[in-house]
Amino acid sequence: MKETGRLLSSVLVLLTCATSALAQDEAGPTTGPGGDTQINMLPGPTTTNTTTTQSGPGPGEVDSHLPSSSQSLTDVNSSRDRFDLNRSDPAAASARGNKDGQYVIGDSGVPSAHSVRRGDTLWGLSGQYFKNPYAWPRLWSYNPQIQNPHWIYPGDRVRLRVEETGFRQRAVPEKTVFLRNYGWVDDIGKYKRGEVVGSPDDQMYLTFWDDVYVELESDEKIELGQELTVFRELRTMRGREADDAGDLVQVVATLRVDRYNPKTHLARAQITESLDSVERGDFVGNIKRKFLIVPPVKNDKYIEARILTALYPHQFFGQHQVVFLDRGAKHGIKPGNRFIAVRRGDRWVESLPGAGASADDKAMTEDDRDAVFSELRTDGPDEKYPNETFAEIRVLATRDKSSIAIVTEAGFEIERDTILVMKKGY
């Protein structure tokens, strides 16, 4: 009985120690009496009550999760009703309004005007305000007082947007072409007023900001600061008639006269614009260069034309290339007229003569025999095929017997002998 009592006492002591260790483990590990024993007790499971609540959209949040172009224009709870017309262009405005009012063009964030500082250009301002430097013709259209878009001066006021109510209207008609004239086909003697004879610079080819000496004709009146155009004759062109169509003239550069001696008729000038290198012997004339802004116009008559030449001796022409036509003002052509390129035939069949003897053979892959071929028919009735339109050309400027034009659309390459047709109407 005494030993049984001792055993019960030992069990009670162990239970008491375990209870004490559990209480201490809530605050961290417990060290035994000798200081070298550590007891870690795992905590029991805990229960957490989580309350979830739902709430509807607040004011202005009815369609805030949608992109701006899909949000409502008449949400009365929103303080910023809008519809982005062109999110990629900060200059594009947004339509705003309320449920009882009309939609108006809101503030685009672009100031109404810009004061020109030294170094500013229309190209740079378009990139700064419109994030697209190629939009400079649009900026120029807002400022008709700027005669030459290459020259704006400190202190000038450049309008950046058109103030108006309602959706913005186009400043120029759709599909208008912008191109600065850089050549023509005509008698070169009409425009020759001098010649580049030298330069103070030690180089053969002269370019932007170089100085040149120009010998002018005795009867030519020159003023300081006057601009002259440098051009050269490439070759003499002959039209389909017996008479000459004229000389193919290439515009090379623009000069500004800085000094002039009326006794020797010699001027010193600086090259302010260079389209190509200037050489001694190039001609100089008092020609006012300008940008050709040509919208499409109605064709008044039916005219056929051919490509006469181009500044570069290409045989084929494509989209955005400039060409010269063998028809001009005396034939009834005016700027803005449109020619279409037409042809008749089977393009693939026409390419066979240079493609090899077996180009029109078809392998009979479904035949069990080896190397069985059939010959495709290539003698279709070309004379019955309809005329197909594959390109469009816009006239930019006219001379008496020739025109300068640009290829605005092209599905295939255009050859020099391609038939160009101007039909009545648009």
Protein backbone atom coordinates (compact mmCIF):
# COMPACT_ATOMS: atom_id res chain seq x y z
CA MET A 1 0.00 0.00 0.00
CA LYS A 2 2.86 2.37 0.76
CA GLU A 3 4.39 1.77 -2.71
CA THR A 4 1.03 2.37 -4.38
CA GLY A 5 0.69 5.72 -2.61
CA ARG A 6 4.17 6.74 -3.76
CA LEU A 7 3.24 5.88 -7.42
CA LEU A 8 0.06 8.00 -7.28
CA SER A 9 2.05 10.90 -5.85
CA SER A 10 4.57 10.67 -8.72
CA VAL A 11 1.79 10.73 -11.35
CA LEU A 12 0.24 13.82 -9.76
CA VAL A 13 3.60 15.56 -9.80
CA LEU A 14 4.10 14.78 -13.55
CA LEU A 15 0.60 16.04 -14.43
CA THR A 16 1.24 19.24 -12.54
CA CYS A 17 4.54 19.80 -14.43
CA ALA A 18 2.91 19.14 -17.80
CA THR A 19 0.11 21.62 -17.05
CA SER A 20 2.64 24.25 -16.04
CA ALA A 21 4.67 23.64 -19.26
CA LEU A 22 1.57 24.06 -21.42
CA ALA A 23 0.78 27.38 -19.79
CA GLN A 24 4.32 28.62 -20.36
CA ASP A 25 4.39 27.48 -24.02
CA GLU A 26 1.79 30.09 -24.94
CA ALA A 27 4.43 32.71 -24.28
CA GLY A 28 7.32 30.75 -25.86
CA PRO A 29 9.58 27.70 -25.28
CA THR A 30 10.20 26.53 -21.71
CA THR A 31 13.60 25.69 -20.27
CA GLY A 32 13.91 22.74 -17.92
CA PRO A 33 15.32 22.87 -14.38
CA GLY A 34 18.83 22.11 -15.58
CA GLY A 35 18.77 24.84 -18.23
CA ASP A 36 19.63 22.39 -21.02
CA THR A 37 16.20 21.02 -21.95
CA GLN A 38 13.74 22.92 -24.18
CA ILE A 39 10.10 21.85 -24.55
CA ASN A 40 8.03 23.16 -27.53
CA MET A 41 4.28 22.73 -27.34
CA LEU A 42 2.13 23.01 -30.52
CA PRO A 43 -0.84 25.40 -30.10
CA GLY A 44 -4.28 24.01 -30.57
CA PRO A 45 -6.66 25.01 -33.40
CA THR A 46 -8.19 28.47 -33.29
CA THR A 47 -11.50 29.67 -34.68
CA THR A 48 -11.86 33.02 -36.55
CA ASN A 49 -15.19 34.55 -37.50
CA THR A 50 -15.09 36.56 -40.84
CA THR A 51 -17.96 38.83 -41.80
CA THR A 52 -18.37 39.64 -45.57
CA THR A 53 -20.53 42.55 -46.73
CA GLN A 54 -21.58 43.54 -50.26
CA SER A 55 -22.31 47.04 -51.47
CA GLY A 56 -23.48 48.40 -54.82
CA PRO A 57 -21.55 50.90 -56.97
CA GLY A 58 -21.29 54.39 -55.57
CA PRO A 59 -21.85 57.66 -57.39
CA GLY A 60 -19.95 57.77 -60.66
CA GLU A 61 -19.07 54.05 -60.49
CA VAL A 62 -21.94 52.57 -62.50
CA ASP A 63 -19.72 51.84 -65.49
CA SER A 64 -16.31 52.91 -64.17
CA HIS A 65 -14.97 49.41 -64.81
CA LEU A 66 -15.51 49.89 -68.55
CA PRO A 67 -13.01 51.56 -70.92
CA SER A 68 -13.68 55.24 -71.41
CA SER A 69 -15.02 54.72 -74.91
CA SER A 70 -17.73 52.41 -73.48
CA GLN A 71 -18.81 54.55 -70.55
CA SER A 72 -22.15 56.31 -70.58
CA LEU A 73 -22.51 59.89 -71.74
CA THR A 74 -25.62 60.50 -69.62
CA ASP A 75 -24.74 58.97 -66.25
CA VAL A 76 -26.11 61.64 -63.92
CA ASN A 77 -24.06 60.26 -61.02
CA SER A 78 -20.78 60.85 -62.84
CA SER A 79 -19.00 64.18 -62.77
CA ARG A 80 -16.92 63.37 -65.84
CA ASP A 81 -19.19 62.13 -68.59
CA ARG A 82 -17.13 61.82 -71.73
CA PHE A 83 -16.45 59.79 -74.83
CA ASP A 84 -12.86 59.63 -76.02
CA LEU A 85 -12.65 60.36 -79.72
CA ASN A 86 -8.97 59.50 -80.01
CA ARG A 87 -7.21 58.45 -76.85
CA SER A 88 -3.82 58.17 -78.59
CA ASP A 89 -3.91 61.83 -79.57
CA PRO A 90 -3.91 64.26 -76.63
CA ALA A 91 -5.04 67.00 -78.99
CA ALA A 92 -8.23 65.16 -79.83
CA ALA A 93 -11.19 66.42 -77.85
CA SER A 94 -13.81 64.53 -75.89
CA ALA A 95 -17.56 64.86 -76.09
CA ARG A 96 -19.16 65.81 -72.79
CA GLY A 97 -22.64 66.74 -71.68
CA ASN A 98 -25.55 65.91 -69.39
CA LYS A 99 -28.95 64.32 -69.73
CA ASP A 100 -30.67 67.64 -70.55
CA GLY A 101 -27.99 69.26 -72.70
CA GLN A 102 -26.29 68.84 -76.03
CA TYR A 103 -22.94 67.14 -76.48
CA VAL A 104 -20.10 69.61 -76.95
CA ILE A 105 -16.40 69.34 -77.55
CA GLY A 106 -14.59 69.53 -74.25
CA ASP A 107 -11.17 70.93 -73.46
CA SER A 108 -8.51 68.76 -75.08
CA GLY A 109 -5.66 69.88 -72.82
CA VAL A 110 -3.85 71.54 -75.74
CA PRO A 111 -3.50 75.33 -75.46
CA SER A 112 -5.13 77.44 -78.12
CA ALA A 113 -1.84 78.93 -79.34
CA HIS A 114 1.93 78.72 -78.95
CA SER A 115 4.45 81.55 -78.96
CA VAL A 116 7.35 80.54 -81.17
CA ARG A 117 10.77 80.35 -79.54
CA ARG A 118 14.16 79.99 -81.16
CA GLY A 119 14.54 76.50 -82.63
CA ASP A 120 10.80 75.77 -82.90
CA THR A 121 9.44 74.08 -86.03
CA LEU A 122 5.98 72.91 -87.04
CA TRP A 123 7.38 69.37 -87.00
CA GLY A 124 8.56 69.80 -83.41
CA LEU A 125 5.36 71.50 -82.24
CA SER A 126 3.25 68.71 -83.76
CA GLY A 127 5.30 66.16 -81.88
CA GLN A 128 5.11 68.16 -78.65
CA TYR A 129 1.37 68.84 -78.62
CA PHE A 130 -0.12 66.14 -80.87
CA LYS A 131 2.44 63.38 -80.12
CA ASN A 132 2.77 62.94 -83.87
CA PRO A 133 5.30 65.09 -85.78
CA TYR A 134 3.84 63.87 -89.10
CA ALA A 135 0.67 65.85 -88.25
CA TRP A 136 2.42 69.14 -89.09
CA PRO A 137 0.20 69.75 -92.20
CA ARG A 138 -2.80 69.79 -89.89
CA LEU A 139 -1.07 72.39 -87.70
CA TRP A 140 -0.14 74.40 -90.78
CA SER A 141 -3.77 74.34 -91.96
CA TYR A 142 -4.73 76.14 -88.73
CA ASN A 143 -2.30 78.97 -89.57
CA PRO A 144 -2.85 80.34 -93.10
CA GLN A 145 -0.58 83.28 -92.28
CA ILE A 146 2.45 80.96 -92.46
CA GLN A 147 3.47 81.01 -96.12
CA ASN A 148 6.44 78.64 -95.82
CA PRO A 149 6.03 75.93 -93.16
CA HIS A 150 9.81 75.54 -93.01
CA TRP A 151 10.15 79.05 -91.60
CA ILE A 152 8.52 80.25 -88.40
CA TYR A 153 10.14 82.99 -86.37
CA PRO A 154 10.50 83.79 -82.65
CA GLY A 155 7.53 85.83 -81.51
CA ASP A 156 5.10 84.35 -84.04
CA ARG A 157 1.80 83.13 -82.67
CA VAL A 158 0.94 79.62 -83.90
CA ARG A 159 -2.65 78.46 -83.46
CA LEU A 160 -2.81 74.91 -82.10
CA ARG A 161 -6.52 74.17 -82.36
CA VAL A 162 -9.69 75.56 -83.84
CA GLU A 163 -12.21 76.93 -81.36
CA GLU A 164 -15.63 75.61 -82.21
CA THR A 165 -18.73 73.98 -80.74
CA GLY A 166 -19.70 70.56 -81.97
CA PHE A 167 -17.57 67.85 -83.43
CA ARG A 168 -14.39 69.00 -85.11
CA GLN A 169 -14.58 69.50 -88.87
CA ARG A 170 -11.73 68.65 -91.19
CA ALA A 171 -9.52 71.61 -92.02
CA VAL A 172 -8.89 70.25 -95.52
CA PRO A 173 -11.00 67.93 -97.67
CA GLU A 174 -10.51 64.22 -97.27
CA LYS A 175 -7.66 62.62 -99.26
CA THR A 176 -5.90 65.95 -99.81
CA VAL A 177 -2.29 65.55 -100.96
CA PHE A 178 0.54 67.72 -99.60
CA LEU A 179 3.69 67.92 -101.71
CA ARG A 180 6.24 70.65 -102.21
CA ASN A 181 7.05 71.09 -105.87
CA TYR A 182 10.47 69.73 -106.75
CA GLY A 183 10.50 69.49 -110.51
CA TRP A 184 8.67 70.05 -113.76
CA VAL A 185 8.77 69.35 -117.48
CA ASP A 186 8.94 72.54 -119.52
CA ASP A 187 11.35 74.83 -121.39
CA ILE A 188 14.16 75.44 -118.90
CA GLY A 189 15.06 78.75 -120.55
CA LYS A 190 11.92 80.37 -119.14
CA TYR A 191 13.24 80.17 -115.59
CA LYS A 192 17.02 80.46 -115.88
CA ARG A 193 18.28 83.72 -114.32
CA GLY A 194 21.78 82.80 -113.25
CA GLU A 195 24.25 80.05 -112.48
CA VAL A 196 26.21 78.73 -109.51
CA VAL A 197 29.83 79.49 -110.39
CA GLY A 198 31.80 78.88 -107.17
CA SER A 199 31.98 78.66 -103.41
CA PRO A 200 34.33 79.80 -100.63
CA ASP A 201 34.13 76.26 -99.22
CA ASP A 202 36.75 73.67 -100.17
CA GLN A 203 34.38 70.96 -101.41
CA MET A 204 32.89 69.76 -104.65
CA TYR A 205 29.37 69.02 -103.45
CA LEU A 206 27.59 71.77 -101.53
CA THR A 207 24.66 71.34 -99.20
CA PHE A 208 22.67 72.83 -96.33
CA TRP A 209 24.21 76.03 -94.83
CA ASP A 210 27.10 76.10 -97.33
CA ASP A 211 27.85 79.37 -99.14
CA VAL A 212 27.90 79.72 -102.93
CA TYR A 213 28.74 82.37 -105.51
CA VAL A 214 26.02 83.03 -108.08
CA GLU A 215 26.51 84.93 -111.33
CA LEU A 216 23.22 86.56 -112.33
CA GLU A 217 22.02 88.02 -115.59
CA SER A 218 22.55 91.74 -116.02
CA ASP A 219 18.85 92.62 -116.10
CA GLU A 220 17.96 90.59 -113.00
CA LYS A 221 16.93 92.65 -109.96
CA ILE A 222 18.11 91.13 -106.71
CA GLU A 223 17.50 92.21 -103.11
CA LEU A 224 19.30 91.14 -99.96
CA GLY A 225 17.44 88.31 -98.23
CA GLN A 226 15.72 87.24 -101.44
CA GLU A 227 15.27 83.52 -101.99
CA LEU A 228 16.36 81.88 -105.23
CA THR A 229 15.79 78.33 -106.41
CA VAL A 230 18.60 76.09 -107.69
CA PHE A 231 17.66 73.59 -110.39
CA ARG A 232 19.27 71.50 -113.11
CA GLU A 233 18.27 69.93 -116.42
CA LEU A 234 18.18 66.14 -116.37
CA ARG A 235 17.18 65.38 -119.95
CA THR A 236 14.95 66.58 -122.79
CA MET A 237 11.61 64.79 -123.02
CA ARG A 238 9.51 64.22 -126.10
CA GLY A 239 5.78 63.64 -125.90
CA ARG A 240 3.62 61.54 -128.18
CA GLU A 241 3.22 64.52 -130.50
CA ALA A 242 5.99 65.67 -132.78
CA ASP A 243 6.83 68.73 -130.69
CA ASP A 244 9.00 68.53 -127.61
CA ALA A 245 7.28 68.15 -124.27
CA GLY A 246 10.12 70.08 -122.65
CA ASP A 247 13.11 69.59 -120.39
CA LEU A 248 12.92 67.49 -117.24
CA VAL A 249 13.95 69.92 -114.53
CA GLN A 250 14.92 68.88 -111.00
CA VAL A 251 14.76 71.35 -108.10
CA VAL A 252 17.97 71.01 -106.09
CA ALA A 253 18.02 73.65 -103.36
CA THR A 254 16.95 77.07 -102.10
CA LEU A 255 19.37 79.98 -101.62
CA ARG A 256 19.17 83.18 -99.59
CA VAL A 257 21.09 86.14 -100.99
CA ASP A 258 23.39 87.67 -98.35
CA ARG A 259 25.53 89.94 -100.56
CA TYR A 260 25.13 91.36 -104.06
CA ASN A 261 27.40 93.49 -106.23
CA PRO A 262 25.32 95.21 -108.94
CA LYS A 263 28.47 96.05 -110.94
CA THR A 264 29.71 92.49 -111.31
CA HIS A 265 26.23 90.91 -110.99
CA LEU A 266 27.74 88.46 -108.53
CA ALA A 267 25.89 87.39 -105.40
CA ARG A 268 26.98 85.46 -102.36
CA ALA A 269 24.19 83.26 -101.03
CA GLN A 270 23.66 80.60 -98.40
CA ILE A 271 21.92 77.27 -99.03
CA THR A 272 18.91 77.31 -96.71
CA GLU A 273 17.25 74.14 -98.05
CA SER A 274 18.87 71.21 -99.83
CA LEU A 275 17.03 68.46 -101.69
CA ASP A 276 20.20 67.26 -103.38
CA SER A 277 23.82 68.31 -103.52
CA VAL A 278 24.49 71.63 -105.26
CA GLU A 279 27.23 71.66 -107.87
CA ARG A 280 28.96 74.39 -109.84
CA GLY A 281 27.05 74.85 -113.07
CA ASP A 282 23.58 74.41 -111.59
CA PHE A 283 21.04 76.99 -112.73
CA VAL A 284 19.42 79.61 -110.50
CA GLY A 285 16.02 81.23 -110.96
CA ASN A 286 13.61 83.50 -109.13
CA ILE A 287 11.04 80.74 -108.68
CA LYS A 288 8.65 80.81 -105.74
CA ARG A 289 8.48 77.29 -104.40
CA LYS A 290 5.35 76.34 -102.55
CA PHE A 291 3.57 73.37 -101.11
CA LEU A 292 0.97 71.85 -103.38
CA ILE A 293 -2.20 71.24 -101.36
CA VAL A 294 -4.39 69.35 -103.78
CA PRO A 295 -7.78 67.84 -102.90
CA PRO A 296 -9.51 65.65 -105.49
CA VAL A 297 -11.73 67.53 -107.98
CA LYS A 298 -14.35 66.50 -110.49
CA ASN A 299 -13.11 65.34 -113.90
CA ASP A 300 -14.79 67.29 -116.68
CA LYS A 301 -13.81 65.13 -119.64
CA TYR A 302 -12.37 61.82 -120.77
CA ILE A 303 -8.59 61.90 -121.34
CA GLU A 304 -5.97 59.21 -121.84
CA ALA A 305 -2.38 59.78 -120.73
CA ARG A 306 0.95 57.96 -120.34
CA ILE A 307 3.77 58.28 -117.84
CA LEU A 308 6.32 60.49 -119.54
CA THR A 309 9.19 60.24 -117.07
CA ALA A 310 10.27 60.62 -113.44
CA LEU A 311 13.17 62.32 -111.74
CA TYR A 312 14.86 58.94 -111.39
CA PRO A 313 15.05 56.57 -114.37
CA HIS A 314 12.69 53.90 -113.05
CA GLN A 315 10.79 51.52 -115.29
CA PHE A 316 8.22 50.65 -112.64
CA PHE A 317 6.39 52.94 -110.23
CA GLY A 318 4.47 52.29 -107.03
CA GLN A 319 2.48 54.02 -104.35
CA HIS A 320 3.61 57.52 -103.24
CA GLN A 321 6.04 57.92 -106.15
CA VAL A 322 5.94 61.12 -108.20
CA VAL A 323 5.70 60.90 -111.99
CA PHE A 324 5.24 63.23 -114.93
CA LEU A 325 2.41 62.71 -117.44
CA ASP A 326 2.44 63.58 -121.14
CA ARG A 327 -0.78 65.56 -120.89
CA GLY A 328 -1.17 69.06 -119.48
CA ALA A 329 -3.32 72.16 -119.24
CA LYS A 330 -3.81 72.51 -122.98
CA HIS A 331 -5.41 69.05 -122.99
CA GLY A 332 -7.90 70.06 -120.28
CA ILE A 333 -6.13 68.69 -117.19
CA LYS A 334 -6.18 70.61 -113.92
CA PRO A 335 -4.77 69.98 -110.41
CA GLY A 336 -6.85 67.48 -108.49
CA ASN A 337 -7.90 65.39 -111.51
CA ARG A 338 -7.55 61.66 -110.97
CA PHE A 339 -6.35 59.09 -113.47
CA ILE A 340 -6.88 55.36 -113.06
CA ALA A 341 -4.45 52.78 -114.43
CA VAL A 342 -6.21 50.07 -116.42
CA ARG A 343 -5.04 46.92 -118.13
CA ARG A 344 -6.46 43.78 -119.74
CA GLY A 345 -5.05 40.29 -119.66
CA ASP A 346 -3.83 37.46 -117.43
CA ARG A 347 -0.80 38.62 -115.43
CA TRP A 348 0.47 35.12 -114.68
CA VAL A 349 0.23 33.95 -118.28
CA GLU A 350 2.08 37.07 -119.41
CA SER A 351 4.98 36.19 -117.10
CA LEU A 352 5.46 32.67 -118.53
CA PRO A 353 7.84 33.51 -121.44
CA GLY A 354 10.57 34.35 -118.97
CA ALA A 355 9.79 31.58 -116.47
CA GLY A 356 11.10 28.49 -118.31
CA ALA A 357 9.73 25.75 -120.56
CA SER A 358 7.90 23.79 -117.86
CA ALA A 359 6.39 26.73 -116.00
CA ASP A 360 2.90 25.93 -117.28
CA ASP A 361 3.11 22.17 -116.56
CA LYS A 362 1.01 20.79 -113.72
CA ALA A 363 2.06 17.60 -111.88
CA MET A 364 -0.77 15.05 -111.61
CA THR A 365 -0.17 14.05 -107.99
CA GLU A 366 -3.34 11.93 -107.83
CA ASP A 367 -2.22 9.71 -110.73
CA ASP A 368 -0.62 6.37 -109.75
CA ARG A 369 1.79 6.56 -112.65
CA ASP A 370 5.18 8.18 -112.22
CA ALA A 371 5.92 11.71 -113.47
CA VAL A 372 2.60 12.43 -115.12
CA PHE A 373 2.05 16.06 -116.08
CA SER A 374 -0.70 18.01 -117.75
CA GLU A 375 -0.33 21.29 -119.59
CA LEU A 376 -2.36 24.22 -118.27
CA ARG A 377 -4.34 26.29 -120.71
CA THR A 378 -2.61 29.59 -121.33
CA ASP A 379 -4.35 30.75 -124.51
CA GLY A 380 -7.32 32.48 -122.90
CA PRO A 381 -9.31 35.02 -124.91
CA ASP A 382 -7.46 38.17 -123.86
CA GLU A 383 -9.61 40.34 -126.11
CA LYS A 384 -12.68 39.35 -124.10
CA TYR A 385 -11.23 40.12 -120.69
CA PRO A 386 -12.57 43.32 -119.09
CA ASN A 387 -10.36 46.28 -118.27
CA GLU A 388 -9.17 46.03 -114.67
CA THR A 389 -8.33 49.05 -112.52
CA PHE A 390 -5.21 48.58 -110.40
CA ALA A 391 -3.89 52.07 -109.51
CA GLU A 392 -4.90 55.70 -109.08
CA ILE A 393 -2.82 58.79 -109.85
CA ARG A 394 -3.57 62.35 -108.66
CA VAL A 395 -2.49 65.39 -110.71
CA LEU A 396 -0.73 67.98 -108.53
CA ALA A 397 0.28 70.70 -110.98
CA THR A 398 0.10 71.27 -114.71
CA ARG A 399 2.16 72.85 -117.45
CA ASP A 400 0.99 73.38 -121.01
CA LYS A 401 1.99 69.93 -122.26
CA SER A 402 2.79 67.98 -119.10
CA SER A 403 1.65 67.38 -115.52
CA ILE A 404 3.25 66.32 -112.28
CA ALA A 405 1.31 63.66 -110.40
CA ILE A 406 1.61 61.25 -107.49
CA VAL A 407 0.57 57.61 -107.27
CA THR A 408 -1.99 57.57 -104.45
CA GLU A 409 -3.01 53.88 -104.70
CA ALA A 410 -1.37 50.92 -106.40
CA GLY A 411 -2.27 47.23 -106.30
CA PHE A 412 0.50 46.31 -108.77
CA GLU A 413 3.53 48.05 -110.21
CA ILE A 414 2.84 50.67 -112.88
CA GLU A 415 4.88 50.58 -116.07
CA ARG A 416 5.67 53.55 -118.27
CA ASP A 417 3.39 52.42 -121.08
CA THR A 418 0.43 51.75 -118.78
CA ILE A 419 -2.83 53.25 -120.01
CA LEU A 420 -4.01 56.03 -117.68
CA VAL A 421 -7.63 57.08 -118.05
CA MET A 422 -9.36 60.15 -116.65
CA LYS A 423 -13.11 59.53 -116.71
CA LYS A 424 -15.80 62.13 -116.29
CA GLY A 425 -17.08 62.57 -112.74
CA TYR A 426 -15.36 61.74 -109.47
